[in-house]
């Protein structure tokens, strides 16, 4: 089982590691569901942590529709992540109609190098949820998907999570108010072995 802790700064990252997290998702502005952390934060976390780091690539809060200038910012941030040697990135780009913006996600994939790509909870806004996940995976655009099954919590989204948990070569990371107390119950009901939360450890 992989316990991925969402953290908003260096101190939280170190605490998560100490409490037994297997991986962290490093962000800033967790109150806005996370934005890209600073270069300094990424660099020092990489120096001090022993566990893998996934960096949020999100230039602002609000929706997940980004123009070309914002995409350029995201690509530059991805290059920094490659330079610093983190494990992966977490990102997601949608169109105005909430479908996945595959063209922009292809730009992300072209830039990622060896980084593993997680499509984050923006996927839960898509009208064609399971098909979008399958297509992202089949096109080699993502390695992981972070999702609560289009519900407020992972427990409420179990049926949708089960629709995607058997997609080949895709790590499904269940999310949505998962705490260490709820982890065992969720694990019993899913084939998924990766879980994400702010209070997962």
N, C-alpha and C. Protein backbone atom coordinates (compact mmCIF):
# COMPACT_ATOMS: atom_id res chain seq x y z
N UNK A 1 0.84 -1.20 0.00
CA UNK A 1 0.00 0.00 0.00
C UNK A 1 0.87 1.25 0.00
N UNK A 2 0.51 2.21 -0.85
CA UNK A 2 1.22 3.49 -0.90
C UNK A 2 0.34 4.57 -0.27
N UNK A 3 0.87 5.22 0.75
CA UNK A 3 0.18 6.33 1.39
C UNK A 3 0.84 7.63 0.93
N UNK A 4 0.11 8.39 0.12
CA UNK A 4 0.63 9.65 -0.43
C UNK A 4 0.02 10.81 0.35
N UNK A 5 0.87 11.59 0.99
CA UNK A 5 0.41 12.70 1.82
C UNK A 5 0.46 14.00 1.03
N UNK A 6 -0.65 14.74 1.03
CA UNK A 6 -0.68 16.08 0.44
C UNK A 6 -0.13 17.06 1.46
N UNK A 7 0.91 17.78 1.08
CA UNK A 7 1.55 18.72 2.01
C UNK A 7 1.70 20.08 1.35
N UNK A 8 1.70 21.13 2.20
CA UNK A 8 1.73 22.49 1.69
C UNK A 8 3.02 23.24 1.94
N UNK A 9 4.00 22.59 2.55
CA UNK A 9 5.28 23.26 2.81
C UNK A 9 6.31 22.22 3.27
N UNK A 10 7.54 22.69 3.48
CA UNK A 10 8.62 21.80 3.89
C UNK A 10 8.34 21.14 5.23
N UNK A 11 7.87 21.91 6.19
CA UNK A 11 7.62 21.35 7.53
C UNK A 11 6.61 20.21 7.47
N UNK A 12 5.52 20.42 6.73
CA UNK A 12 4.51 19.36 6.61
C UNK A 12 5.09 18.14 5.89
N UNK A 13 5.97 18.38 4.93
CA UNK A 13 6.59 17.26 4.20
C UNK A 13 7.44 16.41 5.14
N UNK A 14 8.23 17.06 5.97
CA UNK A 14 9.08 16.33 6.91
C UNK A 14 8.24 15.58 7.94
N UNK A 15 7.15 16.22 8.40
CA UNK A 15 6.26 15.56 9.35
C UNK A 15 5.60 14.33 8.72
N UNK A 16 5.17 14.45 7.47
CA UNK A 16 4.53 13.32 6.79
C UNK A 16 5.49 12.15 6.66
N UNK A 17 6.74 12.45 6.30
CA UNK A 17 7.74 11.39 6.21
C UNK A 17 7.94 10.71 7.56
N UNK A 18 8.03 11.51 8.60
CA UNK A 18 8.25 10.98 9.95
C UNK A 18 7.09 10.08 10.38
N UNK A 19 5.88 10.42 9.95
CA UNK A 19 4.69 9.66 10.35
C UNK A 19 4.42 8.45 9.48
N UNK A 20 5.26 8.23 8.47
CA UNK A 20 5.14 7.00 7.70
C UNK A 20 4.59 7.13 6.30
N UNK A 21 4.51 8.35 5.75
CA UNK A 21 4.07 8.50 4.37
C UNK A 21 5.07 7.81 3.44
N UNK A 22 4.55 7.22 2.37
CA UNK A 22 5.41 6.56 1.38
C UNK A 22 5.80 7.50 0.25
N UNK A 23 5.01 8.57 0.08
CA UNK A 23 5.24 9.52 -1.00
C UNK A 23 4.52 10.80 -0.61
N UNK A 24 5.01 11.94 -1.10
CA UNK A 24 4.27 13.18 -0.85
C UNK A 24 3.88 13.84 -2.16
N UNK A 25 2.76 14.55 -2.12
CA UNK A 25 2.40 15.49 -3.18
C UNK A 25 2.67 16.87 -2.60
N UNK A 26 3.62 17.57 -3.19
CA UNK A 26 4.08 18.85 -2.67
C UNK A 26 3.40 20.00 -3.39
N UNK A 27 2.71 20.84 -2.62
CA UNK A 27 1.97 21.97 -3.17
C UNK A 27 2.23 23.22 -2.33
N UNK A 28 1.66 24.32 -2.78
CA UNK A 28 1.41 25.47 -1.93
C UNK A 28 -0.08 25.74 -2.00
N UNK A 29 -0.58 26.60 -1.12
CA UNK A 29 -1.99 27.02 -1.15
C UNK A 29 -2.96 25.84 -1.12
N UNK A 30 -2.81 24.98 -0.14
CA UNK A 30 -3.73 23.84 -0.02
C UNK A 30 -5.17 24.28 0.17
N UNK A 31 -5.37 25.49 0.70
CA UNK A 31 -6.73 26.01 0.86
C UNK A 31 -7.42 26.16 -0.50
N UNK A 32 -6.63 26.32 -1.56
CA UNK A 32 -7.17 26.39 -2.93
C UNK A 32 -6.95 25.08 -3.67
N UNK A 33 -6.81 24.01 -2.92
CA UNK A 33 -6.58 22.66 -3.47
C UNK A 33 -5.22 22.54 -4.14
N UNK A 34 -4.30 23.44 -3.81
CA UNK A 34 -2.91 23.28 -4.23
C UNK A 34 -2.52 24.02 -5.48
N UNK A 35 -1.37 24.72 -5.41
CA UNK A 35 -0.74 25.33 -6.58
C UNK A 35 0.74 24.94 -6.56
N UNK A 36 1.46 25.32 -7.62
CA UNK A 36 2.86 24.93 -7.75
C UNK A 36 3.71 25.54 -6.63
N UNK A 37 4.50 24.73 -5.94
CA UNK A 37 5.38 25.27 -4.89
C UNK A 37 6.59 25.99 -5.50
N UNK A 38 7.29 26.73 -4.66
CA UNK A 38 8.44 27.50 -5.13
C UNK A 38 9.63 26.58 -5.45
N UNK A 39 10.54 27.12 -6.25
CA UNK A 39 11.78 26.41 -6.57
C UNK A 39 12.51 26.02 -5.29
N UNK A 40 12.61 26.96 -4.37
CA UNK A 40 13.32 26.70 -3.11
C UNK A 40 12.69 25.59 -2.31
N UNK A 41 11.36 25.59 -2.25
CA UNK A 41 10.66 24.53 -1.51
C UNK A 41 10.92 23.16 -2.12
N UNK A 42 10.83 23.09 -3.45
CA UNK A 42 11.07 21.81 -4.13
C UNK A 42 12.51 21.35 -3.88
N UNK A 43 13.46 22.26 -4.04
CA UNK A 43 14.88 21.92 -3.93
C UNK A 43 15.23 21.40 -2.53
N UNK A 44 14.77 22.11 -1.50
CA UNK A 44 15.12 21.71 -0.14
C UNK A 44 14.38 20.42 0.25
N UNK A 45 13.15 20.26 -0.19
CA UNK A 45 12.44 19.00 0.06
C UNK A 45 13.19 17.83 -0.56
N UNK A 46 13.66 18.03 -1.79
CA UNK A 46 14.42 16.96 -2.47
C UNK A 46 15.69 16.63 -1.70
N UNK A 47 16.33 17.65 -1.12
CA UNK A 47 17.57 17.42 -0.38
C UNK A 47 17.33 16.70 0.95
N UNK A 48 16.19 16.98 1.60
CA UNK A 48 15.97 16.49 2.96
C UNK A 48 15.09 15.24 3.06
N UNK A 49 14.28 14.98 2.05
CA UNK A 49 13.37 13.83 2.13
C UNK A 49 14.00 12.58 1.54
N UNK A 50 13.62 11.44 2.10
CA UNK A 50 14.07 10.15 1.58
C UNK A 50 13.00 9.49 0.71
N UNK A 51 11.79 10.00 0.75
CA UNK A 51 10.67 9.38 0.02
C UNK A 51 10.40 10.16 -1.27
N UNK A 52 9.73 9.52 -2.25
CA UNK A 52 9.46 10.19 -3.53
C UNK A 52 8.59 11.44 -3.37
N UNK A 53 8.84 12.40 -4.24
CA UNK A 53 8.12 13.68 -4.23
C UNK A 53 7.40 13.85 -5.56
N UNK A 54 6.10 14.10 -5.48
CA UNK A 54 5.29 14.48 -6.64
C UNK A 54 4.96 15.96 -6.48
N UNK A 55 5.30 16.76 -7.48
CA UNK A 55 5.11 18.21 -7.38
C UNK A 55 3.85 18.62 -8.14
N UNK A 56 3.00 19.39 -7.48
CA UNK A 56 1.82 19.93 -8.12
C UNK A 56 2.23 20.97 -9.17
N UNK A 57 1.72 20.81 -10.38
CA UNK A 57 1.94 21.80 -11.44
C UNK A 57 0.59 22.44 -11.74
N UNK A 58 0.36 23.56 -11.11
CA UNK A 58 -0.91 24.29 -11.25
C UNK A 58 -0.61 25.77 -11.02
N UNK A 59 -0.71 26.60 -12.04
CA UNK A 59 -0.23 27.98 -11.94
C UNK A 59 -1.09 28.91 -11.10
N UNK A 60 -2.30 28.48 -10.78
CA UNK A 60 -3.22 29.32 -9.98
C UNK A 60 -4.35 28.45 -9.45
N UNK A 61 -5.12 29.03 -8.51
CA UNK A 61 -6.33 28.37 -8.05
C UNK A 61 -7.45 28.58 -9.06
N UNK A 62 -8.65 28.16 -8.70
CA UNK A 62 -9.78 28.33 -9.61
C UNK A 62 -9.94 27.12 -10.52
N UNK A 63 -10.36 27.37 -11.75
CA UNK A 63 -10.65 26.25 -12.65
C UNK A 63 -9.37 25.65 -13.24
N UNK A 64 -9.55 24.67 -14.11
CA UNK A 64 -8.41 23.95 -14.68
C UNK A 64 -8.28 24.21 -16.18
N UNK A 65 -8.82 25.34 -16.62
CA UNK A 65 -8.73 25.76 -18.02
C UNK A 65 -7.60 26.78 -18.12
N UNK A 66 -6.55 26.45 -18.87
CA UNK A 66 -5.37 27.31 -18.93
C UNK A 66 -5.11 27.78 -20.36
N UNK A 67 -4.76 29.06 -20.49
CA UNK A 67 -4.42 29.59 -21.81
C UNK A 67 -2.97 29.25 -22.14
N UNK A 68 -2.51 29.69 -23.32
CA UNK A 68 -1.18 29.31 -23.78
C UNK A 68 -0.08 29.87 -22.89
N UNK A 69 -0.28 31.08 -22.36
CA UNK A 69 0.73 31.68 -21.48
C UNK A 69 0.84 30.88 -20.18
N UNK A 70 -0.30 30.47 -19.63
CA UNK A 70 -0.28 29.66 -18.41
C UNK A 70 0.34 28.30 -18.67
N UNK A 71 0.07 27.73 -19.84
CA UNK A 71 0.70 26.46 -20.20
C UNK A 71 2.22 26.61 -20.25
N UNK A 72 2.69 27.74 -20.77
CA UNK A 72 4.13 27.96 -20.83
C UNK A 72 4.75 27.99 -19.43
N UNK A 73 4.04 28.62 -18.49
CA UNK A 73 4.50 28.62 -17.09
C UNK A 73 4.59 27.19 -16.57
N UNK A 74 3.58 26.39 -16.86
CA UNK A 74 3.55 25.00 -16.40
C UNK A 74 4.72 24.21 -16.98
N UNK A 75 5.01 24.42 -18.26
CA UNK A 75 6.12 23.70 -18.90
C UNK A 75 7.46 24.10 -18.29
N UNK A 76 7.61 25.38 -17.98
CA UNK A 76 8.86 25.83 -17.33
C UNK A 76 9.00 25.20 -15.94
N UNK A 77 7.89 25.12 -15.21
CA UNK A 77 7.93 24.50 -13.88
C UNK A 77 8.26 23.01 -13.98
N UNK A 78 7.78 22.36 -15.03
CA UNK A 78 8.10 20.94 -15.24
C UNK A 78 9.60 20.77 -15.51
N UNK A 79 10.16 21.68 -16.28
CA UNK A 79 11.62 21.61 -16.55
C UNK A 79 12.41 21.74 -15.25
N UNK A 80 11.94 22.60 -14.36
CA UNK A 80 12.60 22.74 -13.05
C UNK A 80 12.52 21.43 -12.27
N UNK A 81 11.35 20.79 -12.31
CA UNK A 81 11.19 19.51 -11.61
C UNK A 81 12.13 18.45 -12.17
N UNK A 82 12.29 18.44 -13.49
CA UNK A 82 13.25 17.51 -14.10
C UNK A 82 14.66 17.80 -13.62
N UNK A 83 15.01 19.07 -13.60
CA UNK A 83 16.35 19.49 -13.17
C UNK A 83 16.63 19.08 -11.73
N UNK A 84 15.61 19.18 -10.87
CA UNK A 84 15.80 18.89 -9.45
C UNK A 84 15.66 17.40 -9.13
N UNK A 85 15.18 16.62 -10.08
CA UNK A 85 15.17 15.17 -9.91
C UNK A 85 14.08 14.61 -9.04
N UNK A 86 12.91 15.26 -9.02
CA UNK A 86 11.80 14.70 -8.25
C UNK A 86 11.22 13.49 -8.98
N UNK A 87 10.32 12.79 -8.31
CA UNK A 87 9.76 11.55 -8.87
C UNK A 87 8.73 11.82 -9.96
N UNK A 88 7.89 12.84 -9.73
CA UNK A 88 6.82 13.06 -10.69
C UNK A 88 6.14 14.39 -10.50
N UNK A 89 5.11 14.61 -11.32
CA UNK A 89 4.30 15.82 -11.25
C UNK A 89 2.83 15.44 -11.22
N UNK A 90 2.03 16.33 -10.67
CA UNK A 90 0.58 16.15 -10.61
C UNK A 90 -0.06 17.35 -11.27
N UNK A 91 -0.85 17.12 -12.31
CA UNK A 91 -1.41 18.23 -13.07
C UNK A 91 -2.70 17.78 -13.75
N UNK A 92 -3.36 18.70 -14.42
CA UNK A 92 -4.58 18.38 -15.14
C UNK A 92 -5.08 19.61 -15.87
N UNK A 93 -5.45 19.43 -17.13
CA UNK A 93 -5.91 20.56 -17.94
C UNK A 93 -7.23 20.17 -18.61
N UNK A 94 -8.21 21.04 -18.45
CA UNK A 94 -9.54 20.81 -19.03
C UNK A 94 -9.88 21.89 -20.05
N UNK A 95 -10.88 21.61 -20.87
CA UNK A 95 -11.46 22.61 -21.77
C UNK A 95 -12.62 23.30 -21.05
N UNK A 96 -13.17 24.30 -21.71
CA UNK A 96 -14.28 25.05 -21.11
C UNK A 96 -15.48 24.15 -20.82
N UNK A 97 -15.65 23.08 -21.61
CA UNK A 97 -16.78 22.17 -21.40
C UNK A 97 -16.45 21.06 -20.38
N UNK A 98 -15.31 21.19 -19.70
CA UNK A 98 -14.87 20.26 -18.65
C UNK A 98 -14.32 18.94 -19.18
N UNK A 99 -14.23 18.79 -20.50
CA UNK A 99 -13.55 17.60 -21.02
C UNK A 99 -12.04 17.81 -20.93
N UNK A 100 -11.29 16.72 -20.99
CA UNK A 100 -9.83 16.81 -20.91
C UNK A 100 -9.28 17.51 -22.15
N UNK A 101 -8.35 18.43 -21.95
CA UNK A 101 -7.66 19.09 -23.06
C UNK A 101 -6.47 18.22 -23.47
N UNK A 102 -6.73 17.30 -24.38
CA UNK A 102 -5.70 16.33 -24.77
C UNK A 102 -4.52 16.99 -25.46
N UNK A 103 -4.78 18.05 -26.22
CA UNK A 103 -3.67 18.71 -26.92
C UNK A 103 -2.68 19.31 -25.94
N UNK A 104 -3.18 19.98 -24.93
CA UNK A 104 -2.27 20.56 -23.93
C UNK A 104 -1.62 19.47 -23.07
N UNK A 105 -2.35 18.41 -22.79
CA UNK A 105 -1.74 17.30 -22.04
C UNK A 105 -0.62 16.64 -22.85
N UNK A 106 -0.74 16.64 -24.18
CA UNK A 106 0.34 16.11 -25.01
C UNK A 106 1.58 16.99 -24.88
N UNK A 107 1.39 18.29 -24.76
CA UNK A 107 2.53 19.20 -24.55
C UNK A 107 3.22 18.89 -23.22
N UNK A 108 2.41 18.59 -22.21
CA UNK A 108 2.97 18.20 -20.90
C UNK A 108 3.80 16.92 -21.06
N UNK A 109 3.24 15.94 -21.75
CA UNK A 109 3.92 14.65 -21.93
C UNK A 109 5.23 14.81 -22.69
N UNK A 110 5.25 15.71 -23.67
CA UNK A 110 6.47 15.95 -24.46
C UNK A 110 7.57 16.58 -23.62
N UNK A 111 7.19 17.26 -22.55
CA UNK A 111 8.14 18.00 -21.72
C UNK A 111 8.61 17.21 -20.50
N UNK A 112 7.92 16.16 -20.14
CA UNK A 112 8.08 15.55 -18.81
C UNK A 112 9.38 14.79 -18.61
N UNK A 113 10.02 14.36 -19.70
CA UNK A 113 11.22 13.54 -19.54
C UNK A 113 10.89 12.25 -18.81
N UNK A 114 11.64 11.94 -17.76
CA UNK A 114 11.43 10.71 -16.99
C UNK A 114 10.43 10.87 -15.85
N UNK A 115 9.86 12.06 -15.70
CA UNK A 115 8.91 12.29 -14.61
C UNK A 115 7.64 11.46 -14.82
N UNK A 116 7.10 10.92 -13.73
CA UNK A 116 5.81 10.25 -13.79
C UNK A 116 4.71 11.31 -13.68
N UNK A 117 3.68 11.18 -14.51
CA UNK A 117 2.62 12.18 -14.56
C UNK A 117 1.35 11.65 -13.92
N UNK A 118 0.85 12.39 -12.94
CA UNK A 118 -0.45 12.12 -12.33
C UNK A 118 -1.45 13.13 -12.87
N UNK A 119 -2.59 12.67 -13.37
CA UNK A 119 -3.70 13.58 -13.68
C UNK A 119 -4.50 13.70 -12.40
N UNK A 120 -4.54 14.91 -11.84
CA UNK A 120 -5.13 15.09 -10.51
C UNK A 120 -6.65 15.18 -10.55
N UNK A 121 -7.23 15.65 -9.45
CA UNK A 121 -8.68 15.57 -9.28
C UNK A 121 -9.51 16.41 -10.25
N UNK A 122 -8.86 17.13 -11.14
CA UNK A 122 -9.60 17.76 -12.24
C UNK A 122 -10.39 16.71 -13.02
N UNK A 123 -9.89 15.47 -13.01
CA UNK A 123 -10.58 14.39 -13.73
C UNK A 123 -12.00 14.19 -13.21
N UNK A 124 -12.23 14.52 -11.95
CA UNK A 124 -13.56 14.32 -11.36
C UNK A 124 -14.60 15.29 -11.91
N UNK A 125 -14.16 16.31 -12.64
CA UNK A 125 -15.09 17.27 -13.25
C UNK A 125 -15.51 16.86 -14.66
N UNK A 126 -14.90 15.82 -15.21
CA UNK A 126 -15.14 15.48 -16.60
C UNK A 126 -16.46 14.73 -16.77
N UNK A 127 -17.20 15.02 -17.86
CA UNK A 127 -18.47 14.33 -18.09
C UNK A 127 -18.29 12.89 -18.56
N UNK A 128 -17.12 12.59 -19.17
CA UNK A 128 -16.85 11.25 -19.70
C UNK A 128 -15.73 10.59 -18.90
N UNK A 129 -15.91 10.57 -17.61
CA UNK A 129 -14.89 10.20 -16.62
C UNK A 129 -14.07 8.96 -16.99
N UNK A 130 -14.70 7.81 -17.04
CA UNK A 130 -13.96 6.56 -17.25
C UNK A 130 -13.29 6.53 -18.62
N UNK A 131 -14.00 7.00 -19.64
CA UNK A 131 -13.43 7.02 -20.99
C UNK A 131 -12.25 7.98 -21.08
N UNK A 132 -12.34 9.11 -20.39
CA UNK A 132 -11.24 10.07 -20.38
C UNK A 132 -9.99 9.46 -19.74
N UNK A 133 -10.19 8.75 -18.64
CA UNK A 133 -9.05 8.11 -17.96
C UNK A 133 -8.43 7.06 -18.87
N UNK A 134 -9.27 6.24 -19.49
CA UNK A 134 -8.75 5.19 -20.39
C UNK A 134 -7.96 5.80 -21.55
N UNK A 135 -8.48 6.89 -22.10
CA UNK A 135 -7.82 7.52 -23.24
C UNK A 135 -6.49 8.16 -22.85
N UNK A 136 -6.46 8.83 -21.71
CA UNK A 136 -5.21 9.42 -21.22
C UNK A 136 -4.15 8.34 -21.03
N UNK A 137 -4.56 7.22 -20.47
CA UNK A 137 -3.63 6.12 -20.22
C UNK A 137 -3.19 5.46 -21.53
N UNK A 138 -4.14 5.19 -22.41
CA UNK A 138 -3.84 4.51 -23.67
C UNK A 138 -2.89 5.32 -24.55
N UNK A 139 -3.02 6.64 -24.48
CA UNK A 139 -2.14 7.52 -25.27
C UNK A 139 -0.78 7.75 -24.60
N UNK A 140 -0.59 7.16 -23.43
CA UNK A 140 0.69 7.30 -22.74
C UNK A 140 0.92 8.68 -22.16
N UNK A 141 -0.17 9.39 -21.87
CA UNK A 141 -0.05 10.76 -21.37
C UNK A 141 0.07 10.82 -19.85
N UNK A 142 -0.34 9.75 -19.17
CA UNK A 142 -0.29 9.74 -17.70
C UNK A 142 0.18 8.38 -17.20
N UNK A 143 0.72 8.39 -15.99
CA UNK A 143 1.11 7.16 -15.30
C UNK A 143 0.17 6.86 -14.14
N UNK A 144 -0.45 7.92 -13.61
CA UNK A 144 -1.33 7.80 -12.45
C UNK A 144 -2.54 8.71 -12.65
N UNK A 145 -3.62 8.38 -11.95
CA UNK A 145 -4.76 9.29 -11.88
C UNK A 145 -5.18 9.40 -10.42
N UNK A 146 -5.39 10.63 -9.98
CA UNK A 146 -5.79 10.92 -8.59
C UNK A 146 -7.26 11.29 -8.60
N UNK A 147 -8.10 10.51 -7.93
CA UNK A 147 -9.54 10.70 -8.08
C UNK A 147 -10.33 10.23 -6.87
N UNK A 148 -11.46 10.89 -6.65
CA UNK A 148 -12.40 10.45 -5.62
C UNK A 148 -13.65 9.83 -6.26
N UNK A 149 -13.52 9.42 -7.53
CA UNK A 149 -14.66 8.80 -8.19
C UNK A 149 -15.81 9.76 -8.42
N UNK A 150 -15.48 11.03 -8.66
CA UNK A 150 -16.46 12.09 -8.94
C UNK A 150 -17.40 12.39 -7.78
N UNK A 151 -16.99 11.99 -6.58
CA UNK A 151 -17.80 12.26 -5.40
C UNK A 151 -16.97 13.05 -4.39
N UNK A 152 -17.64 13.53 -3.36
CA UNK A 152 -16.96 14.32 -2.34
C UNK A 152 -15.92 13.50 -1.58
N UNK A 153 -16.21 12.23 -1.39
CA UNK A 153 -15.27 11.34 -0.69
C UNK A 153 -15.04 10.08 -1.51
N UNK A 154 -13.91 9.43 -1.25
CA UNK A 154 -13.61 8.18 -1.95
C UNK A 154 -14.63 7.10 -1.62
N UNK A 155 -15.10 7.08 -0.38
CA UNK A 155 -16.10 6.07 0.01
C UNK A 155 -17.38 6.22 -0.81
N UNK A 156 -17.79 7.47 -1.05
CA UNK A 156 -18.99 7.69 -1.86
C UNK A 156 -18.74 7.40 -3.34
N UNK A 157 -17.48 7.48 -3.75
CA UNK A 157 -17.13 7.29 -5.16
C UNK A 157 -16.67 5.89 -5.51
N UNK A 158 -16.92 4.93 -4.63
CA UNK A 158 -16.42 3.56 -4.85
C UNK A 158 -16.81 2.98 -6.20
N UNK A 159 -18.06 3.17 -6.62
CA UNK A 159 -18.51 2.53 -7.85
C UNK A 159 -17.74 3.05 -9.06
N UNK A 160 -17.47 4.35 -9.08
CA UNK A 160 -16.72 4.92 -10.20
C UNK A 160 -15.24 4.53 -10.13
N UNK A 161 -14.69 4.47 -8.93
CA UNK A 161 -13.30 4.03 -8.78
C UNK A 161 -13.13 2.61 -9.30
N UNK A 162 -14.14 1.78 -9.06
CA UNK A 162 -14.07 0.39 -9.54
C UNK A 162 -14.09 0.31 -11.07
N UNK A 163 -14.68 1.31 -11.72
CA UNK A 163 -14.73 1.33 -13.19
C UNK A 163 -13.34 1.48 -13.80
N UNK A 164 -12.42 2.11 -13.07
CA UNK A 164 -11.11 2.40 -13.65
C UNK A 164 -9.96 1.64 -12.99
N UNK A 165 -10.25 0.90 -11.92
CA UNK A 165 -9.15 0.31 -11.14
C UNK A 165 -8.40 -0.80 -11.87
N UNK A 166 -8.97 -1.34 -12.95
CA UNK A 166 -8.31 -2.42 -13.68
C UNK A 166 -7.66 -1.98 -14.99
N UNK A 167 -7.61 -0.68 -15.25
CA UNK A 167 -6.97 -0.19 -16.48
C UNK A 167 -5.49 -0.57 -16.44
N UNK A 168 -4.99 -1.25 -17.49
CA UNK A 168 -3.59 -1.71 -17.47
C UNK A 168 -2.60 -0.55 -17.39
N UNK A 169 -1.51 -0.79 -16.70
CA UNK A 169 -0.38 0.15 -16.63
C UNK A 169 -0.75 1.52 -16.10
N UNK A 170 -1.77 1.58 -15.26
CA UNK A 170 -2.19 2.84 -14.66
C UNK A 170 -2.30 2.68 -13.15
N UNK A 171 -1.65 3.56 -12.42
CA UNK A 171 -1.77 3.57 -10.96
C UNK A 171 -2.94 4.49 -10.58
N UNK A 172 -3.99 3.91 -10.05
CA UNK A 172 -5.12 4.70 -9.57
C UNK A 172 -4.86 5.07 -8.11
N UNK A 173 -4.87 6.37 -7.84
CA UNK A 173 -4.64 6.88 -6.49
C UNK A 173 -5.97 7.39 -5.96
N UNK A 174 -6.55 6.66 -5.02
CA UNK A 174 -7.84 7.05 -4.46
C UNK A 174 -7.66 8.24 -3.52
N UNK A 175 -8.57 9.21 -3.62
CA UNK A 175 -8.49 10.42 -2.81
C UNK A 175 -9.89 10.83 -2.39
N UNK A 176 -9.97 11.86 -1.57
CA UNK A 176 -11.26 12.37 -1.14
C UNK A 176 -11.53 12.13 0.33
N UNK A 177 -10.95 13.02 1.16
CA UNK A 177 -11.13 12.96 2.62
C UNK A 177 -10.74 11.62 3.23
N UNK A 178 -9.65 11.07 2.73
CA UNK A 178 -9.15 9.81 3.28
C UNK A 178 -8.24 10.11 4.47
N UNK A 179 -8.59 9.55 5.61
CA UNK A 179 -7.75 9.69 6.80
C UNK A 179 -7.17 8.31 7.14
N UNK A 180 -6.19 8.31 8.03
CA UNK A 180 -5.57 7.03 8.40
C UNK A 180 -6.59 6.08 9.02
N UNK A 181 -7.66 6.63 9.64
CA UNK A 181 -8.68 5.79 10.26
C UNK A 181 -9.58 5.11 9.23
N UNK A 182 -9.72 5.71 8.04
CA UNK A 182 -10.61 5.16 7.01
C UNK A 182 -9.87 4.29 5.99
N UNK A 183 -8.56 4.26 6.10
CA UNK A 183 -7.74 3.62 5.09
C UNK A 183 -8.02 2.13 4.95
N UNK A 184 -8.08 1.42 6.06
CA UNK A 184 -8.28 -0.03 6.02
C UNK A 184 -9.61 -0.38 5.38
N UNK A 185 -10.66 0.37 5.72
CA UNK A 185 -11.98 0.11 5.16
C UNK A 185 -11.98 0.29 3.65
N UNK A 186 -11.36 1.35 3.16
CA UNK A 186 -11.28 1.60 1.72
C UNK A 186 -10.48 0.50 1.02
N UNK A 187 -9.36 0.14 1.61
CA UNK A 187 -8.49 -0.86 0.99
C UNK A 187 -9.21 -2.20 0.84
N UNK A 188 -10.10 -2.51 1.76
CA UNK A 188 -10.88 -3.76 1.68
C UNK A 188 -11.85 -3.74 0.51
N UNK A 189 -12.31 -2.56 0.13
CA UNK A 189 -13.37 -2.46 -0.88
C UNK A 189 -12.87 -2.18 -2.29
N UNK A 190 -11.56 -1.96 -2.43
CA UNK A 190 -10.99 -1.63 -3.73
C UNK A 190 -9.77 -2.49 -4.02
N UNK A 191 -9.47 -2.65 -5.32
CA UNK A 191 -8.20 -3.27 -5.71
C UNK A 191 -7.07 -2.24 -5.69
N UNK A 192 -7.45 -0.98 -5.65
CA UNK A 192 -6.48 0.12 -5.62
C UNK A 192 -5.55 -0.04 -4.41
N UNK A 193 -4.27 0.24 -4.62
CA UNK A 193 -3.31 0.11 -3.52
C UNK A 193 -2.62 1.44 -3.18
N UNK A 194 -3.05 2.53 -3.82
CA UNK A 194 -2.47 3.85 -3.53
C UNK A 194 -3.57 4.78 -3.03
N UNK A 195 -3.27 5.50 -1.95
CA UNK A 195 -4.27 6.36 -1.31
C UNK A 195 -3.63 7.71 -0.97
N UNK A 196 -4.44 8.76 -1.09
CA UNK A 196 -3.94 10.14 -0.98
C UNK A 196 -4.80 10.94 -0.01
N UNK A 197 -4.16 11.78 0.78
CA UNK A 197 -4.93 12.65 1.66
C UNK A 197 -4.04 13.58 2.47
N UNK A 198 -4.65 14.63 2.99
CA UNK A 198 -3.93 15.57 3.85
C UNK A 198 -3.69 14.98 5.24
N UNK A 199 -4.55 14.03 5.64
CA UNK A 199 -4.42 13.42 6.97
C UNK A 199 -4.30 11.90 6.87
N UNK A 200 -3.56 11.47 5.87
CA UNK A 200 -3.47 10.03 5.62
C UNK A 200 -2.47 9.35 6.56
N UNK A 201 -1.60 10.13 7.19
CA UNK A 201 -0.66 9.57 8.18
C UNK A 201 -0.70 10.40 9.45
